[in-house]
Amino acid sequence: MISFFPSSSDPYHALYRWYKSSTASEGEGDDDAKPYPTFRLNLGFLLSLYNLLSLYFMRMLFCLFLYGLIIVAVFDDIKRMCDSRR
């Protein structure tokens, strides 16, 4: 098996330790950190992810709409130019 990161500098391990320490209760420490994250997905995280993705999706739809208008306008001008030469 090919390992892209040595085990001592694994970025997922550091990320998990940071997450574990930031969400730890009074009695919990980060000494039981696992090498790969098992995130606890709470409702706030899911809602913020939904809001972020919906904003991105709406921006993408708006850009596609604008590009569609530009393409229609350009092809309409080309069609008018071709019709006027006949």
C-alpha atoms as a PDB file:
ATOM      1  CA  MET A   1       0.000   0.000   0.000  1.00  0.00           C
ATOM      2  CA  ILE A   2       1.327   3.428  -0.950  1.00  0.00           C
ATOM      3  CA  SER A   3       1.291   6.055   1.775  1.00  0.00           C
ATOM      4  CA  PHE A   4       1.395   9.678   0.659  1.00  0.00           C
ATOM      5  CA  PHE A   5       2.064  11.025   4.145  1.00  0.00           C
ATOM      6  CA  PRO A   6       4.315   9.613   6.839  1.00  0.00           C
ATOM      7  CA  SER A   7       2.314   8.653   9.907  1.00  0.00           C
ATOM      8  CA  SER A   8       3.919  11.320  12.113  1.00  0.00           C
ATOM      9  CA  SER A   9       2.979  14.182   9.774  1.00  0.00           C
ATOM     10  CA  ASP A  10      -0.416  12.947   8.656  1.00  0.00           C
ATOM     11  CA  PRO A  11      -2.603  16.067   8.197  1.00  0.00           C
ATOM     12  CA  TYR A  12      -5.776  14.144   9.014  1.00  0.00           C
ATOM     13  CA  HIS A  13      -4.339  13.212  12.379  1.00  0.00           C
ATOM     14  CA  ALA A  14      -3.625  16.863  13.224  1.00  0.00           C
ATOM     15  CA  LEU A  15      -7.069  17.896  12.001  1.00  0.00           C
ATOM     16  CA  TYR A  16      -8.738  15.236  14.103  1.00  0.00           C
ATOM     17  CA  ARG A  17      -6.770  16.248  17.210  1.00  0.00           C
ATOM     18  CA  TRP A  18      -7.776  19.898  16.707  1.00  0.00           C
ATOM     19  CA  TYR A  19     -11.432  18.942  16.207  1.00  0.00           C
ATOM     20  CA  LYS A  20     -11.402  16.596  19.197  1.00  0.00           C
ATOM     21  CA  SER A  21      -9.846  19.212  21.480  1.00  0.00           C
ATOM     22  CA  SER A  22     -12.251  21.930  20.328  1.00  0.00           C
ATOM     23  CA  THR A  23     -15.328  19.769  20.961  1.00  0.00           C
ATOM     24  CA  ALA A  24     -14.103  17.938  24.053  1.00  0.00           C
ATOM     25  CA  SER A  25     -16.212  17.868  27.193  1.00  0.00           C
ATOM     26  CA  GLU A  26     -14.820  18.511  30.670  1.00  0.00           C
ATOM     27  CA  GLY A  27     -13.620  14.953  31.237  1.00  0.00           C
ATOM     28  CA  GLU A  28     -12.438  14.255  27.710  1.00  0.00           C
ATOM     29  CA  GLY A  29      -8.993  14.877  26.360  1.00  0.00           C
ATOM     30  CA  ASP A  30      -7.518  14.521  22.930  1.00  0.00           C
ATOM     31  CA  ASP A  31      -5.302  11.604  23.910  1.00  0.00           C
ATOM     32  CA  ASP A  32      -7.681   9.130  22.273  1.00  0.00           C
ATOM     33  CA  ALA A  33      -7.346  10.758  18.838  1.00  0.00           C
ATOM     34  CA  LYS A  34      -7.515   8.306  15.990  1.00  0.00           C
ATOM     35  CA  PRO A  35      -5.300   8.618  12.921  1.00  0.00           C
ATOM     36  CA  TYR A  36      -8.244   9.475  10.670  1.00  0.00           C
ATOM     37  CA  PRO A  37     -11.182  11.725  11.504  1.00  0.00           C
ATOM     38  CA  THR A  38     -14.582  10.483  12.533  1.00  0.00           C
ATOM     39  CA  PHE A  39     -16.351  13.836  12.641  1.00  0.00           C
ATOM     40  CA  ARG A  40     -19.481  14.377  14.658  1.00  0.00           C
ATOM     41  CA  LEU A  41     -21.817  16.131  12.256  1.00  0.00           C
ATOM     42  CA  ASN A  42     -23.989  18.484  14.251  1.00  0.00           C
ATOM     43  CA  LEU A  43     -27.011  20.374  12.984  1.00  0.00           C
ATOM     44  CA  GLY A  44     -25.246  23.742  12.806  1.00  0.00           C
ATOM     45  CA  PHE A  45     -22.524  22.335  10.595  1.00  0.00           C
ATOM     46  CA  LEU A  46     -25.048  20.693   8.285  1.00  0.00           C
ATOM     47  CA  LEU A  47     -27.108  23.884   8.023  1.00  0.00           C
ATOM     48  CA  SER A  48     -24.074  26.028   7.253  1.00  0.00           C
ATOM     49  CA  LEU A  49     -22.945  23.505   4.646  1.00  0.00           C
ATOM     50  CA  TYR A  50     -26.425  23.564   3.095  1.00  0.00           C
ATOM     51  CA  ASN A  51     -26.440  27.384   3.012  1.00  0.00           C
ATOM     52  CA  LEU A  52     -22.987  27.491   1.444  1.00  0.00           C
ATOM     53  CA  LEU A  53     -23.857  24.944  -1.233  1.00  0.00           C
ATOM     54  CA  SER A  54     -27.210  26.561  -1.997  1.00  0.00           C
ATOM     55  CA  LEU A  55     -25.522  29.969  -2.435  1.00  0.00           C
ATOM     56  CA  TYR A  56     -22.946  28.393  -4.731  1.00  0.00           C
ATOM     57  CA  PHE A  57     -25.692  26.622  -6.710  1.00  0.00           C
ATOM     58  CA  MET A  58     -27.754  29.808  -7.077  1.00  0.00           C
ATOM     59  CA  ARG A  59     -24.677  31.725  -8.263  1.00  0.00           C
ATOM     60  CA  MET A  60     -23.954  28.969 -10.769  1.00  0.00           C
ATOM     61  CA  LEU A  61     -27.531  29.077 -12.095  1.00  0.00           C
ATOM     62  CA  PHE A  62     -27.372  32.866 -12.401  1.00  0.00           C
ATOM     63  CA  CYS A  63     -24.098  32.689 -14.350  1.00  0.00           C
ATOM     64  CA  LEU A  64     -25.508  30.008 -16.656  1.00  0.00           C
ATOM     65  CA  PHE A  65     -28.567  32.189 -17.261  1.00  0.00           C
ATOM     66  CA  LEU A  66     -26.376  35.195 -18.132  1.00  0.00           C
ATOM     67  CA  TYR A  67     -24.170  33.129 -20.423  1.00  0.00           C
ATOM     68  CA  GLY A  68     -27.296  31.776 -22.099  1.00  0.00           C
ATOM     69  CA  LEU A  69     -28.553  35.302 -22.722  1.00  0.00           C
ATOM     70  CA  ILE A  70     -25.199  36.326 -24.178  1.00  0.00           C
ATOM     71  CA  ILE A  71     -25.099  33.295 -26.474  1.00  0.00           C
ATOM     72  CA  VAL A  72     -28.670  33.896 -27.665  1.00  0.00           C
ATOM     73  CA  ALA A  73     -27.912  37.573 -28.330  1.00  0.00           C
ATOM     74  CA  VAL A  74     -24.718  36.774 -30.256  1.00  0.00           C
ATOM     75  CA  PHE A  75     -26.375  34.107 -32.399  1.00  0.00           C
ATOM     76  CA  ASP A  76     -29.329  36.406 -33.030  1.00  0.00           C
ATOM     77  CA  ASP A  77     -26.953  39.123 -34.263  1.00  0.00           C
ATOM     78  CA  ILE A  78     -25.139  36.629 -36.485  1.00  0.00           C
ATOM     79  CA  LYS A  79     -28.467  35.439 -37.910  1.00  0.00           C
ATOM     80  CA  ARG A  80     -29.550  39.028 -38.622  1.00  0.00           C
ATOM     81  CA  MET A  81     -26.251  39.762 -40.366  1.00  0.00           C
ATOM     82  CA  CYS A  82     -26.598  36.668 -42.534  1.00  0.00           C
ATOM     83  CA  ASP A  83     -30.233  37.492 -43.358  1.00  0.00           C
ATOM     84  CA  SER A  84     -29.376  41.082 -44.301  1.00  0.00           C
ATOM     85  CA  ARG A  85     -26.770  39.933 -46.846  1.00  0.00           C
ATOM     86  CA  ARG A  86     -29.318  37.893 -48.817  1.00  0.00           C
END
